[in-house]
Amino acid sequence: MTSGTFISEARAFASGKRLDLIDGDDLRRLISEVKKASPQLRLEPAVAAPESAACPQCGRGVLQRRLARRGKNAGRYFLGCSQYPQCHYIKDL
């Protein structure tokens, strides 16, 4: 992925391989599509994660600000336990 363009050597290298080259024009188009499809998408969290807040579920981990990458909450921030996958505590921001 690049914000600019790929040189011919890069395109030749990727040809025939399981690689997708995403140039600046494609990247801007994809971002635009995501913004239109998800108007509630927040690029910055509404609330900062408390520093060193202990996990209320397991008590061993600390809460960390994370970004959901999949599912119905993709693109939204949440607080998650640092002990994941042993602890599955999450809290929406």
C-alpha atoms as a PDB file:
ATOM      1  CA  MET A   1       0.000   0.000   0.000  1.00  0.00           C
ATOM      2  CA  THR A   2       1.234   3.466  -0.800  1.00  0.00           C
ATOM      3  CA  SER A   3      -0.156   6.981  -0.791  1.00  0.00           C
ATOM      4  CA  GLY A   4       1.553   7.557  -4.144  1.00  0.00           C
ATOM      5  CA  THR A   5       2.008   5.246  -7.119  1.00  0.00           C
ATOM      6  CA  PHE A   6       3.899   1.997  -7.723  1.00  0.00           C
ATOM      7  CA  ILE A   7       6.775   1.827 -10.153  1.00  0.00           C
ATOM      8  CA  SER A   8       6.659  -0.698 -12.988  1.00  0.00           C
ATOM      9  CA  GLU A   9       9.142  -2.981 -11.194  1.00  0.00           C
ATOM     10  CA  ALA A  10       6.797  -3.256  -8.193  1.00  0.00           C
ATOM     11  CA  ARG A  11       3.854  -4.082 -10.457  1.00  0.00           C
ATOM     12  CA  ALA A  12       5.952  -6.707 -12.260  1.00  0.00           C
ATOM     13  CA  PHE A  13       7.030  -8.229  -8.933  1.00  0.00           C
ATOM     14  CA  ALA A  14       3.423  -8.511  -7.723  1.00  0.00           C
ATOM     15  CA  SER A  15       2.149  -9.924 -10.998  1.00  0.00           C
ATOM     16  CA  GLY A  16       1.121 -13.553 -10.643  1.00  0.00           C
ATOM     17  CA  LYS A  17       1.481 -13.492  -6.852  1.00  0.00           C
ATOM     18  CA  ARG A  18      -1.206 -13.374  -4.190  1.00  0.00           C
ATOM     19  CA  LEU A  19      -0.549  -9.660  -3.635  1.00  0.00           C
ATOM     20  CA  ASP A  20      -2.827  -6.688  -4.082  1.00  0.00           C
ATOM     21  CA  LEU A  21      -1.173  -3.355  -4.745  1.00  0.00           C
ATOM     22  CA  ILE A  22      -3.191  -0.425  -3.424  1.00  0.00           C
ATOM     23  CA  ASP A  23      -1.999   2.932  -4.700  1.00  0.00           C
ATOM     24  CA  GLY A  24      -2.963   6.409  -3.519  1.00  0.00           C
ATOM     25  CA  ASP A  25      -6.030   6.707  -5.769  1.00  0.00           C
ATOM     26  CA  ASP A  26      -7.351   3.302  -4.654  1.00  0.00           C
ATOM     27  CA  LEU A  27      -6.630   4.126  -1.014  1.00  0.00           C
ATOM     28  CA  ARG A  28      -8.546   7.423  -1.172  1.00  0.00           C
ATOM     29  CA  ARG A  29     -11.463   5.646  -2.879  1.00  0.00           C
ATOM     30  CA  LEU A  30     -11.545   2.939  -0.201  1.00  0.00           C
ATOM     31  CA  ILE A  31     -11.456   5.504   2.601  1.00  0.00           C
ATOM     32  CA  SER A  32     -14.282   7.425   0.958  1.00  0.00           C
ATOM     33  CA  GLU A  33     -16.387   4.262   0.637  1.00  0.00           C
ATOM     34  CA  VAL A  34     -15.837   3.358   4.287  1.00  0.00           C
ATOM     35  CA  LYS A  35     -16.784   6.860   5.424  1.00  0.00           C
ATOM     36  CA  LYS A  36     -19.999   6.751   3.376  1.00  0.00           C
ATOM     37  CA  ALA A  37     -20.896   3.259   4.597  1.00  0.00           C
ATOM     38  CA  SER A  38     -20.086   4.028   8.256  1.00  0.00           C
ATOM     39  CA  PRO A  39     -20.977   7.642   9.068  1.00  0.00           C
ATOM     40  CA  GLN A  40     -20.692   6.840  12.793  1.00  0.00           C
ATOM     41  CA  LEU A  41     -17.029   5.867  12.310  1.00  0.00           C
ATOM     42  CA  ARG A  42     -14.924   7.768  14.812  1.00  0.00           C
ATOM     43  CA  LEU A  43     -11.273   8.269  14.009  1.00  0.00           C
ATOM     44  CA  GLU A  44     -10.466   9.403  17.543  1.00  0.00           C
ATOM     45  CA  PRO A  45     -11.927   8.049  20.759  1.00  0.00           C
ATOM     46  CA  ALA A  46     -14.471  10.186  22.571  1.00  0.00           C
ATOM     47  CA  VAL A  47     -12.857   9.327  25.917  1.00  0.00           C
ATOM     48  CA  ALA A  48      -9.231   8.555  26.625  1.00  0.00           C
ATOM     49  CA  ALA A  49      -8.414   5.299  28.337  1.00  0.00           C
ATOM     50  CA  PRO A  50      -7.630   5.699  32.034  1.00  0.00           C
ATOM     51  CA  GLU A  51      -3.942   5.056  32.648  1.00  0.00           C
ATOM     52  CA  SER A  52      -3.264   1.857  34.570  1.00  0.00           C
ATOM     53  CA  ALA A  53      -6.936   1.188  35.384  1.00  0.00           C
ATOM     54  CA  ALA A  54      -7.178  -2.353  36.732  1.00  0.00           C
ATOM     55  CA  CYS A  55      -9.473  -4.760  34.913  1.00  0.00           C
ATOM     56  CA  PRO A  56     -12.673  -5.097  36.976  1.00  0.00           C
ATOM     57  CA  GLN A  57     -13.196  -8.671  35.771  1.00  0.00           C
ATOM     58  CA  CYS A  58      -9.854 -10.414  36.320  1.00  0.00           C
ATOM     59  CA  GLY A  59      -7.976  -7.862  38.446  1.00  0.00           C
ATOM     60  CA  ARG A  60      -4.649  -8.887  36.860  1.00  0.00           C
ATOM     61  CA  GLY A  61      -4.739  -6.878  33.646  1.00  0.00           C
ATOM     62  CA  VAL A  62      -5.043  -3.190  32.915  1.00  0.00           C
ATOM     63  CA  LEU A  63      -7.541  -1.593  30.564  1.00  0.00           C
ATOM     64  CA  GLN A  64      -6.129  -0.533  27.217  1.00  0.00           C
ATOM     65  CA  ARG A  65      -7.731   1.484  24.430  1.00  0.00           C
ATOM     66  CA  ARG A  66      -8.227  -0.746  21.408  1.00  0.00           C
ATOM     67  CA  LEU A  67      -9.788  -0.414  17.977  1.00  0.00           C
ATOM     68  CA  ALA A  68     -12.360  -2.982  16.836  1.00  0.00           C
ATOM     69  CA  ARG A  69     -11.247  -4.291  13.461  1.00  0.00           C
ATOM     70  CA  ARG A  70     -14.133  -6.621  12.658  1.00  0.00           C
ATOM     71  CA  GLY A  71     -17.810  -7.087  13.289  1.00  0.00           C
ATOM     72  CA  LYS A  72     -20.596  -4.587  13.818  1.00  0.00           C
ATOM     73  CA  ASN A  73     -18.333  -2.290  15.884  1.00  0.00           C
ATOM     74  CA  ALA A  74     -15.453  -2.165  13.383  1.00  0.00           C
ATOM     75  CA  GLY A  75     -13.733   1.217  13.464  1.00  0.00           C
ATOM     76  CA  ARG A  76     -14.875   2.020  17.002  1.00  0.00           C
ATOM     77  CA  TYR A  77     -12.690   2.256  20.071  1.00  0.00           C
ATOM     78  CA  PHE A  78     -13.232   0.275  23.256  1.00  0.00           C
ATOM     79  CA  LEU A  79     -11.378  -0.561  26.455  1.00  0.00           C
ATOM     80  CA  GLY A  80     -10.098  -4.120  26.643  1.00  0.00           C
ATOM     81  CA  CYS A  81      -8.161  -6.102  29.213  1.00  0.00           C
ATOM     82  CA  SER A  82      -4.421  -6.478  28.596  1.00  0.00           C
ATOM     83  CA  GLN A  83      -4.750 -10.150  29.596  1.00  0.00           C
ATOM     84  CA  TYR A  84      -6.746 -11.029  26.452  1.00  0.00           C
ATOM     85  CA  PRO A  85      -7.330 -13.849  25.409  1.00  0.00           C
ATOM     86  CA  GLN A  86      -7.416 -15.153  28.993  1.00  0.00           C
ATOM     87  CA  CYS A  87      -9.756 -12.316  30.012  1.00  0.00           C
ATOM     88  CA  HIS A  88     -12.455 -11.076  27.615  1.00  0.00           C
ATOM     89  CA  TYR A  89     -13.523  -7.921  29.485  1.00  0.00           C
ATOM     90  CA  ILE A  90     -14.473  -5.017  27.214  1.00  0.00           C
ATOM     91  CA  LYS A  91     -16.146  -1.662  27.763  1.00  0.00           C
ATOM     92  CA  ASP A  92     -17.446   0.635  25.035  1.00  0.00           C
ATOM     93  CA  LEU A  93     -16.112   4.172  24.863  1.00  0.00           C
END
